[in-house]
Amino acid sequence: MNIEQKVKELVANTFNLGVEEIAKDSGPENIPEWDSFGQMNLVTLIEDEFGFQFDFEEIFRIYDTESLINLVEDKINGK
């Protein structure tokens, strides 16, 4: 499974949605449950799944699924 698909699954699971409902622009603007508490739950799941921790500043760069995918890819690739 690729990173994009895994992140979309985790977003879907966090917000009780189907994976098919998650697009790259899915985020707080169109998922009402994606508030600050939801974001922290999502961050924790991502960190546990991929085995790294986000820096405080990185968490604030997550504003939709695409930005999350890019951040995860950067962390995995050591950027």
PDB file of N, CA and C in Angstrom:
ATOM      1  N   MET A   1       0.850  -1.189   0.000  1.00  0.00           N
ATOM      2  CA  MET A   1       0.000   0.000   0.000  1.00  0.00           C
ATOM      3  C   MET A   1       0.890   1.246   0.000  1.00  0.00           C
ATOM      4  N   ASN A   2       0.524   2.228  -0.798  1.00  0.00           N
ATOM      5  CA  ASN A   2       1.345   3.426  -0.857  1.00  0.00           C
ATOM      6  C   ASN A   2       0.970   4.400   0.265  1.00  0.00           C
ATOM      7  N   ILE A   3       1.813   5.400   0.432  1.00  0.00           N
ATOM      8  CA  ILE A   3       1.631   6.362   1.522  1.00  0.00           C
ATOM      9  C   ILE A   3       0.311   7.104   1.377  1.00  0.00           C
ATOM     10  N   GLU A   4      -0.001   7.550   0.163  1.00  0.00           N
ATOM     11  CA  GLU A   4      -1.234   8.298  -0.045  1.00  0.00           C
ATOM     12  C   GLU A   4      -2.448   7.490   0.376  1.00  0.00           C
ATOM     13  N   GLN A   5      -2.492   6.239  -0.031  1.00  0.00           N
ATOM     14  CA  GLN A   5      -3.645   5.394   0.307  1.00  0.00           C
ATOM     15  C   GLN A   5      -3.732   5.168   1.817  1.00  0.00           C
ATOM     16  N   LYS A   6      -2.592   4.938   2.463  1.00  0.00           N
ATOM     17  CA  LYS A   6      -2.593   4.699   3.911  1.00  0.00           C
ATOM     18  C   LYS A   6      -3.048   5.948   4.662  1.00  0.00           C
ATOM     19  N   VAL A   7      -2.567   7.116   4.250  1.00  0.00           N
ATOM     20  CA  VAL A   7      -2.982   8.359   4.903  1.00  0.00           C
ATOM     21  C   VAL A   7      -4.484   8.566   4.722  1.00  0.00           C
ATOM     22  N   LYS A   8      -4.985   8.325   3.515  1.00  0.00           N
ATOM     23  CA  LYS A   8      -6.423   8.477   3.283  1.00  0.00           C
ATOM     24  C   LYS A   8      -7.224   7.524   4.166  1.00  0.00           C
ATOM     25  N   GLU A   9      -6.728   6.296   4.355  1.00  0.00           N
ATOM     26  CA  GLU A   9      -7.404   5.348   5.245  1.00  0.00           C
ATOM     27  C   GLU A   9      -7.438   5.867   6.678  1.00  0.00           C
ATOM     28  N   LEU A  10      -6.317   6.424   7.129  1.00  0.00           N
ATOM     29  CA  LEU A  10      -6.256   6.935   8.493  1.00  0.00           C
ATOM     30  C   LEU A  10      -7.158   8.147   8.674  1.00  0.00           C
ATOM     31  N   VAL A  11      -7.229   9.009   7.674  1.00  0.00           N
ATOM     32  CA  VAL A  11      -8.145  10.151   7.731  1.00  0.00           C
ATOM     33  C   VAL A  11      -9.589   9.639   7.802  1.00  0.00           C
ATOM     34  N   ALA A  12      -9.906   8.684   6.941  1.00  0.00           N
ATOM     35  CA  ALA A  12     -11.261   8.117   6.925  1.00  0.00           C
ATOM     36  C   ALA A  12     -11.606   7.492   8.271  1.00  0.00           C
ATOM     37  N   ASN A  13     -10.688   6.716   8.823  1.00  0.00           N
ATOM     38  CA  ASN A  13     -10.930   6.060  10.109  1.00  0.00           C
ATOM     39  C   ASN A  13     -11.097   7.078  11.240  1.00  0.00           C
ATOM     40  N   THR A  14     -10.285   8.114  11.226  1.00  0.00           N
ATOM     41  CA  THR A  14     -10.348   9.134  12.270  1.00  0.00           C
ATOM     42  C   THR A  14     -11.700   9.822  12.301  1.00  0.00           C
ATOM     43  N   PHE A  15     -12.253  10.066  11.116  1.00  0.00           N
ATOM     44  CA  PHE A  15     -13.482  10.856  11.038  1.00  0.00           C
ATOM     45  C   PHE A  15     -14.699  10.025  10.636  1.00  0.00           C
ATOM     46  N   ASN A  16     -14.583   8.697  10.782  1.00  0.00           N
ATOM     47  CA  ASN A  16     -15.692   7.775  10.520  1.00  0.00           C
ATOM     48  C   ASN A  16     -16.310   7.972   9.135  1.00  0.00           C
ATOM     49  N   LEU A  17     -15.432   8.017   8.140  1.00  0.00           N
ATOM     50  CA  LEU A  17     -15.859   8.174   6.750  1.00  0.00           C
ATOM     51  C   LEU A  17     -15.342   6.991   5.941  1.00  0.00           C
ATOM     52  N   GLY A  18     -15.887   6.809   4.761  1.00  0.00           N
ATOM     53  CA  GLY A  18     -15.359   5.816   3.846  1.00  0.00           C
ATOM     54  C   GLY A  18     -14.137   6.366   3.137  1.00  0.00           C
ATOM     55  N   VAL A  19     -13.196   5.505   2.816  1.00  0.00           N
ATOM     56  CA  VAL A  19     -11.984   5.945   2.130  1.00  0.00           C
ATOM     57  C   VAL A  19     -12.339   6.643   0.821  1.00  0.00           C
ATOM     58  N   GLU A  20     -13.377   6.163   0.161  1.00  0.00           N
ATOM     59  CA  GLU A  20     -13.788   6.761  -1.108  1.00  0.00           C
ATOM     60  C   GLU A  20     -14.284   8.201  -0.942  1.00  0.00           C
ATOM     61  N   GLU A  21     -14.595   8.596   0.284  1.00  0.00           N
ATOM     62  CA  GLU A  21     -15.045   9.967   0.552  1.00  0.00           C
ATOM     63  C   GLU A  21     -13.887  10.939   0.755  1.00  0.00           C
ATOM     64  N   ILE A  22     -12.670  10.425   0.876  1.00  0.00           N
ATOM     65  CA  ILE A  22     -11.514  11.259   1.172  1.00  0.00           C
ATOM     66  C   ILE A  22     -10.809  11.636  -0.128  1.00  0.00           C
ATOM     67  N   ALA A  23     -10.733  12.934  -0.364  1.00  0.00           N
ATOM     68  CA  ALA A  23     -10.015  13.476  -1.513  1.00  0.00           C
ATOM     69  C   ALA A  23      -8.821  14.272  -0.992  1.00  0.00           C
ATOM     70  N   LYS A  24      -7.954  14.683  -1.903  1.00  0.00           N
ATOM     71  CA  LYS A  24      -6.787  15.449  -1.470  1.00  0.00           C
ATOM     72  C   LYS A  24      -7.168  16.767  -0.813  1.00  0.00           C
ATOM     73  N   ASP A  25      -8.324  17.322  -1.186  1.00  0.00           N
ATOM     74  CA  ASP A  25      -8.735  18.587  -0.581  1.00  0.00           C
ATOM     75  C   ASP A  25      -9.627  18.398   0.645  1.00  0.00           C
ATOM     76  N   SER A  26      -9.779  17.165   1.099  1.00  0.00           N
ATOM     77  CA  SER A  26     -10.552  16.913   2.316  1.00  0.00           C
ATOM     78  C   SER A  26      -9.805  17.492   3.521  1.00  0.00           C
ATOM     79  N   GLY A  27     -10.523  18.234   4.334  1.00  0.00           N
ATOM     80  CA  GLY A  27      -9.913  18.859   5.503  1.00  0.00           C
ATOM     81  C   GLY A  27     -10.976  19.516   6.362  1.00  0.00           C
ATOM     82  N   PRO A  28     -10.573  20.417   7.236  1.00  0.00           N
ATOM     83  CA  PRO A  28     -11.520  21.079   8.132  1.00  0.00           C
ATOM     84  C   PRO A  28     -12.618  21.843   7.398  1.00  0.00           C
ATOM     85  N   GLU A  29     -12.340  22.270   6.190  1.00  0.00           N
ATOM     86  CA  GLU A  29     -13.337  23.028   5.427  1.00  0.00           C
ATOM     87  C   GLU A  29     -14.541  22.176   5.029  1.00  0.00           C
ATOM     88  N   ASN A  30     -14.322  20.862   4.838  1.00  0.00           N
ATOM     89  CA  ASN A  30     -15.419  20.018   4.373  1.00  0.00           C
ATOM     90  C   ASN A  30     -15.633  18.756   5.207  1.00  0.00           C
ATOM     91  N   ILE A  31     -14.896  18.609   6.305  1.00  0.00           N
ATOM     92  CA  ILE A  31     -15.125  17.530   7.269  1.00  0.00           C
ATOM     93  C   ILE A  31     -15.344  18.198   8.622  1.00  0.00           C
ATOM     94  N   PRO A  32     -16.606  18.362   9.026  1.00  0.00           N
ATOM     95  CA  PRO A  32     -16.898  19.100  10.260  1.00  0.00           C
ATOM     96  C   PRO A  32     -16.167  18.563  11.504  1.00  0.00           C
ATOM     97  N   GLU A  33     -15.941  17.266  11.551  1.00  0.00           N
ATOM     98  CA  GLU A  33     -15.283  16.673  12.720  1.00  0.00           C
ATOM     99  C   GLU A  33     -13.780  16.986  12.773  1.00  0.00           C
ATOM    100  N   TRP A  34     -13.228  17.512  11.660  1.00  0.00           N
ATOM    101  CA  TRP A  34     -11.797  17.806  11.600  1.00  0.00           C
ATOM    102  C   TRP A  34     -11.565  19.166  12.250  1.00  0.00           C
ATOM    103  N   ASP A  35     -11.697  19.178  13.560  1.00  0.00           N
ATOM    104  CA  ASP A  35     -11.404  20.371  14.347  1.00  0.00           C
ATOM    105  C   ASP A  35     -10.051  20.151  15.019  1.00  0.00           C
ATOM    106  N   SER A  36      -9.699  20.988  15.983  1.00  0.00           N
ATOM    107  CA  SER A  36      -8.382  20.857  16.615  1.00  0.00           C
ATOM    108  C   SER A  36      -8.241  19.521  17.335  1.00  0.00           C
ATOM    109  N   PHE A  37      -9.294  19.050  17.969  1.00  0.00           N
ATOM    110  CA  PHE A  37      -9.245  17.752  18.651  1.00  0.00           C
ATOM    111  C   PHE A  37      -9.102  16.625  17.625  1.00  0.00           C
ATOM    112  N   GLY A  38      -9.871  16.704  16.551  1.00  0.00           N
ATOM    113  CA  GLY A  38      -9.774  15.703  15.486  1.00  0.00           C
ATOM    114  C   GLY A  38      -8.395  15.692  14.855  1.00  0.00           C
ATOM    115  N   GLN A  39      -7.824  16.878  14.683  1.00  0.00           N
ATOM    116  CA  GLN A  39      -6.482  16.968  14.098  1.00  0.00           C
ATOM    117  C   GLN A  39      -5.465  16.260  14.984  1.00  0.00           C
ATOM    118  N   MET A  40      -5.569  16.449  16.285  1.00  0.00           N
ATOM    119  CA  MET A  40      -4.613  15.807  17.194  1.00  0.00           C
ATOM    120  C   MET A  40      -4.793  14.289  17.192  1.00  0.00           C
ATOM    121  N   ASN A  41      -6.026  13.814  17.123  1.00  0.00           N
ATOM    122  CA  ASN A  41      -6.251  12.370  17.010  1.00  0.00           C
ATOM    123  C   ASN A  41      -5.641  11.829  15.733  1.00  0.00           C
ATOM    124  N   LEU A  42      -5.827  12.550  14.639  1.00  0.00           N
ATOM    125  CA  LEU A  42      -5.269  12.138  13.355  1.00  0.00           C
ATOM    126  C   LEU A  42      -3.742  12.129  13.406  1.00  0.00           C
ATOM    127  N   VAL A  43      -3.158  13.166  13.960  1.00  0.00           N
ATOM    128  CA  VAL A  43      -1.694  13.248  14.073  1.00  0.00           C
ATOM    129  C   VAL A  43      -1.159  12.067  14.866  1.00  0.00           C
ATOM    130  N   THR A  44      -1.811  11.725  15.962  1.00  0.00           N
ATOM    131  CA  THR A  44      -1.375  10.598  16.785  1.00  0.00           C
ATOM    132  C   THR A  44      -1.434   9.287  16.007  1.00  0.00           C
ATOM    133  N   LEU A  45      -2.513   9.076  15.264  1.00  0.00           N
ATOM    134  CA  LEU A  45      -2.628   7.859  14.447  1.00  0.00           C
ATOM    135  C   LEU A  45      -1.544   7.797  13.382  1.00  0.00           C
ATOM    136  N   ILE A  46      -1.278   8.919  12.730  1.00  0.00           N
ATOM    137  CA  ILE A  46      -0.236   8.969  11.692  1.00  0.00           C
ATOM    138  C   ILE A  46       1.129   8.661  12.311  1.00  0.00           C
ATOM    139  N   GLU A  47       1.418   9.291  13.438  1.00  0.00           N
ATOM    140  CA  GLU A  47       2.706   9.062  14.105  1.00  0.00           C
ATOM    141  C   GLU A  47       2.866   7.597  14.494  1.00  0.00           C
ATOM    142  N   ASP A  48       1.830   7.001  15.037  1.00  0.00           N
ATOM    143  CA  ASP A  48       1.882   5.590  15.437  1.00  0.00           C
ATOM    144  C   ASP A  48       2.056   4.681  14.223  1.00  0.00           C
ATOM    145  N   GLU A  49       1.335   4.969  13.164  1.00  0.00           N
ATOM    146  CA  GLU A  49       1.382   4.123  11.969  1.00  0.00           C
ATOM    147  C   GLU A  49       2.746   4.164  11.289  1.00  0.00           C
ATOM    148  N   PHE A  50       3.333   5.352  11.184  1.00  0.00           N
ATOM    149  CA  PHE A  50       4.566   5.502  10.422  1.00  0.00           C
ATOM    150  C   PHE A  50       5.820   5.536  11.296  1.00  0.00           C
ATOM    151  N   GLY A  51       5.657   5.575  12.606  1.00  0.00           N
ATOM    152  CA  GLY A  51       6.797   5.469  13.510  1.00  0.00           C
ATOM    153  C   GLY A  51       7.676   6.704  13.601  1.00  0.00           C
ATOM    154  N   PHE A  52       7.085   7.876  13.511  1.00  0.00           N
ATOM    155  CA  PHE A  52       7.832   9.115  13.713  1.00  0.00           C
ATOM    156  C   PHE A  52       6.951  10.104  14.457  1.00  0.00           C
ATOM    157  N   GLN A  53       7.543  11.223  14.840  1.00  0.00           N
ATOM    158  CA  GLN A  53       6.764  12.276  15.499  1.00  0.00           C
ATOM    159  C   GLN A  53       6.895  13.565  14.702  1.00  0.00           C
ATOM    160  N   PHE A  54       5.780  14.280  14.601  1.00  0.00           N
ATOM    161  CA  PHE A  54       5.793  15.581  13.963  1.00  0.00           C
ATOM    162  C   PHE A  54       6.333  16.614  14.934  1.00  0.00           C
ATOM    163  N   ASP A  55       7.041  17.601  14.410  1.00  0.00           N
ATOM    164  CA  ASP A  55       7.410  18.764  15.203  1.00  0.00           C
ATOM    165  C   ASP A  55       6.159  19.611  15.391  1.00  0.00           C
ATOM    166  N   PHE A  56       6.165  20.420  16.421  1.00  0.00           N
ATOM    167  CA  PHE A  56       5.019  21.285  16.717  1.00  0.00           C
ATOM    168  C   PHE A  56       4.637  22.126  15.499  1.00  0.00           C
ATOM    169  N   GLU A  57       5.636  22.706  14.831  1.00  0.00           N
ATOM    170  CA  GLU A  57       5.373  23.566  13.674  1.00  0.00           C
ATOM    171  C   GLU A  57       4.766  22.777  12.515  1.00  0.00           C
ATOM    172  N   GLU A  58       5.182  21.527  12.363  1.00  0.00           N
ATOM    173  CA  GLU A  58       4.675  20.702  11.260  1.00  0.00           C
ATOM    174  C   GLU A  58       3.174  20.449  11.398  1.00  0.00           C
ATOM    175  N   ILE A  59       2.716  20.275  12.611  1.00  0.00           N
ATOM    176  CA  ILE A  59       1.294  20.011  12.841  1.00  0.00           C
ATOM    177  C   ILE A  59       0.442  21.153  12.291  1.00  0.00           C
ATOM    178  N   PHE A  60       0.951  22.370  12.376  1.00  0.00           N
ATOM    179  CA  PHE A  60       0.196  23.530  11.895  1.00  0.00           C
ATOM    180  C   PHE A  60       0.273  23.696  10.380  1.00  0.00           C
ATOM    181  N   ARG A  61       1.104  22.878   9.721  1.00  0.00           N
ATOM    182  CA  ARG A  61       1.167  22.891   8.256  1.00  0.00           C
ATOM    183  C   ARG A  61       0.198  21.884   7.650  1.00  0.00           C
ATOM    184  N   ILE A  62      -0.556  21.186   8.488  1.00  0.00           N
ATOM    185  CA  ILE A  62      -1.549  20.225   8.004  1.00  0.00           C
ATOM    186  C   ILE A  62      -2.884  20.955   7.893  1.00  0.00           C
ATOM    187  N   TYR A  63      -3.317  21.189   6.681  1.00  0.00           N
ATOM    188  CA  TYR A  63      -4.582  21.897   6.488  1.00  0.00           C
ATOM    189  C   TYR A  63      -5.554  21.132   5.594  1.00  0.00           C
ATOM    190  N   ASP A  64      -5.104  20.017   5.038  1.00  0.00           N
ATOM    191  CA  ASP A  64      -5.978  19.122   4.284  1.00  0.00           C
ATOM    192  C   ASP A  64      -5.241  17.803   4.077  1.00  0.00           C
ATOM    193  N   THR A  65      -5.882  16.869   3.424  1.00  0.00           N
ATOM    194  CA  THR A  65      -5.285  15.546   3.238  1.00  0.00           C
ATOM    195  C   THR A  65      -4.022  15.622   2.392  1.00  0.00           C
ATOM    196  N   GLU A  66      -4.020  16.453   1.362  1.00  0.00           N
ATOM    197  CA  GLU A  66      -2.839  16.565   0.508  1.00  0.00           C
ATOM    198  C   GLU A  66      -1.624  17.077   1.272  1.00  0.00           C
ATOM    199  N   SER A  67      -1.817  18.103   2.098  1.00  0.00           N
ATOM    200  CA  SER A  67      -0.686  18.618   2.875  1.00  0.00           C
ATOM    201  C   SER A  67      -0.186  17.563   3.865  1.00  0.00           C
ATOM    202  N   LEU A  68      -1.090  16.754   4.390  1.00  0.00           N
ATOM    203  CA  LEU A  68      -0.702  15.672   5.299  1.00  0.00           C
ATOM    204  C   LEU A  68       0.096  14.610   4.556  1.00  0.00           C
ATOM    205  N   ILE A  69      -0.362  14.218   3.384  1.00  0.00           N
ATOM    206  CA  ILE A  69       0.362  13.233   2.576  1.00  0.00           C
ATOM    207  C   ILE A  69       1.774  13.745   2.277  1.00  0.00           C
ATOM    208  N   ASN A  70       1.881  14.995   1.846  1.00  0.00           N
ATOM    209  CA  ASN A  70       3.193  15.565   1.523  1.00  0.00           C
ATOM    210  C   ASN A  70       4.102  15.603   2.739  1.00  0.00           C
ATOM    211  N   LEU A  71       3.560  15.941   3.883  1.00  0.00           N
ATOM    212  CA  LEU A  71       4.350  15.998   5.109  1.00  0.00           C
ATOM    213  C   LEU A  71       4.840  14.612   5.509  1.00  0.00           C
ATOM    214  N   VAL A  72       3.965  13.607   5.415  1.00  0.00           N
ATOM    215  CA  VAL A  72       4.356  12.231   5.738  1.00  0.00           C
ATOM    216  C   VAL A  72       5.457  11.765   4.782  1.00  0.00           C
ATOM    217  N   GLU A  73       5.297  12.034   3.506  1.00  0.00           N
ATOM    218  CA  GLU A  73       6.318  11.639   2.530  1.00  0.00           C
ATOM    219  C   GLU A  73       7.649  12.314   2.831  1.00  0.00           C
ATOM    220  N   ASP A  74       7.624  13.597   3.196  1.00  0.00           N
ATOM    221  CA  ASP A  74       8.843  14.316   3.552  1.00  0.00           C
ATOM    222  C   ASP A  74       9.506  13.707   4.781  1.00  0.00           C
ATOM    223  N   LYS A  75       8.693  13.377   5.798  1.00  0.00           N
ATOM    224  CA  LYS A  75       9.249  12.786   7.019  1.00  0.00           C
ATOM    225  C   LYS A  75       9.887  11.431   6.722  1.00  0.00           C
ATOM    226  N   ILE A  76       9.224  10.622   5.903  1.00  0.00           N
ATOM    227  CA  ILE A  76       9.760   9.301   5.566  1.00  0.00           C
ATOM    228  C   ILE A  76      11.044   9.425   4.760  1.00  0.00           C
ATOM    229  N   ASN A  77      11.107  10.430   3.901  1.00  0.00           N
ATOM    230  CA  ASN A  77      12.277  10.628   3.048  1.00  0.00           C
ATOM    231  C   ASN A  77      13.348  11.480   3.703  1.00  0.00           C
ATOM    232  N   GLY A  78      13.149  11.819   4.982  1.00  0.00           N
ATOM    233  CA  GLY A  78      14.175  12.549   5.739  1.00  0.00           C
ATOM    234  C   GLY A  78      14.306  14.009   5.400  1.00  0.00           C
ATOM    235  N   LYS A  79      13.253  14.607   4.892  1.00  0.00           N
ATOM    236  CA  LYS A  79      13.321  16.041   4.538  1.00  0.00           C
ATOM    237  C   LYS A  79      12.837  16.891   5.678  1.00  0.00           C
TER     238      LYS A  79
END
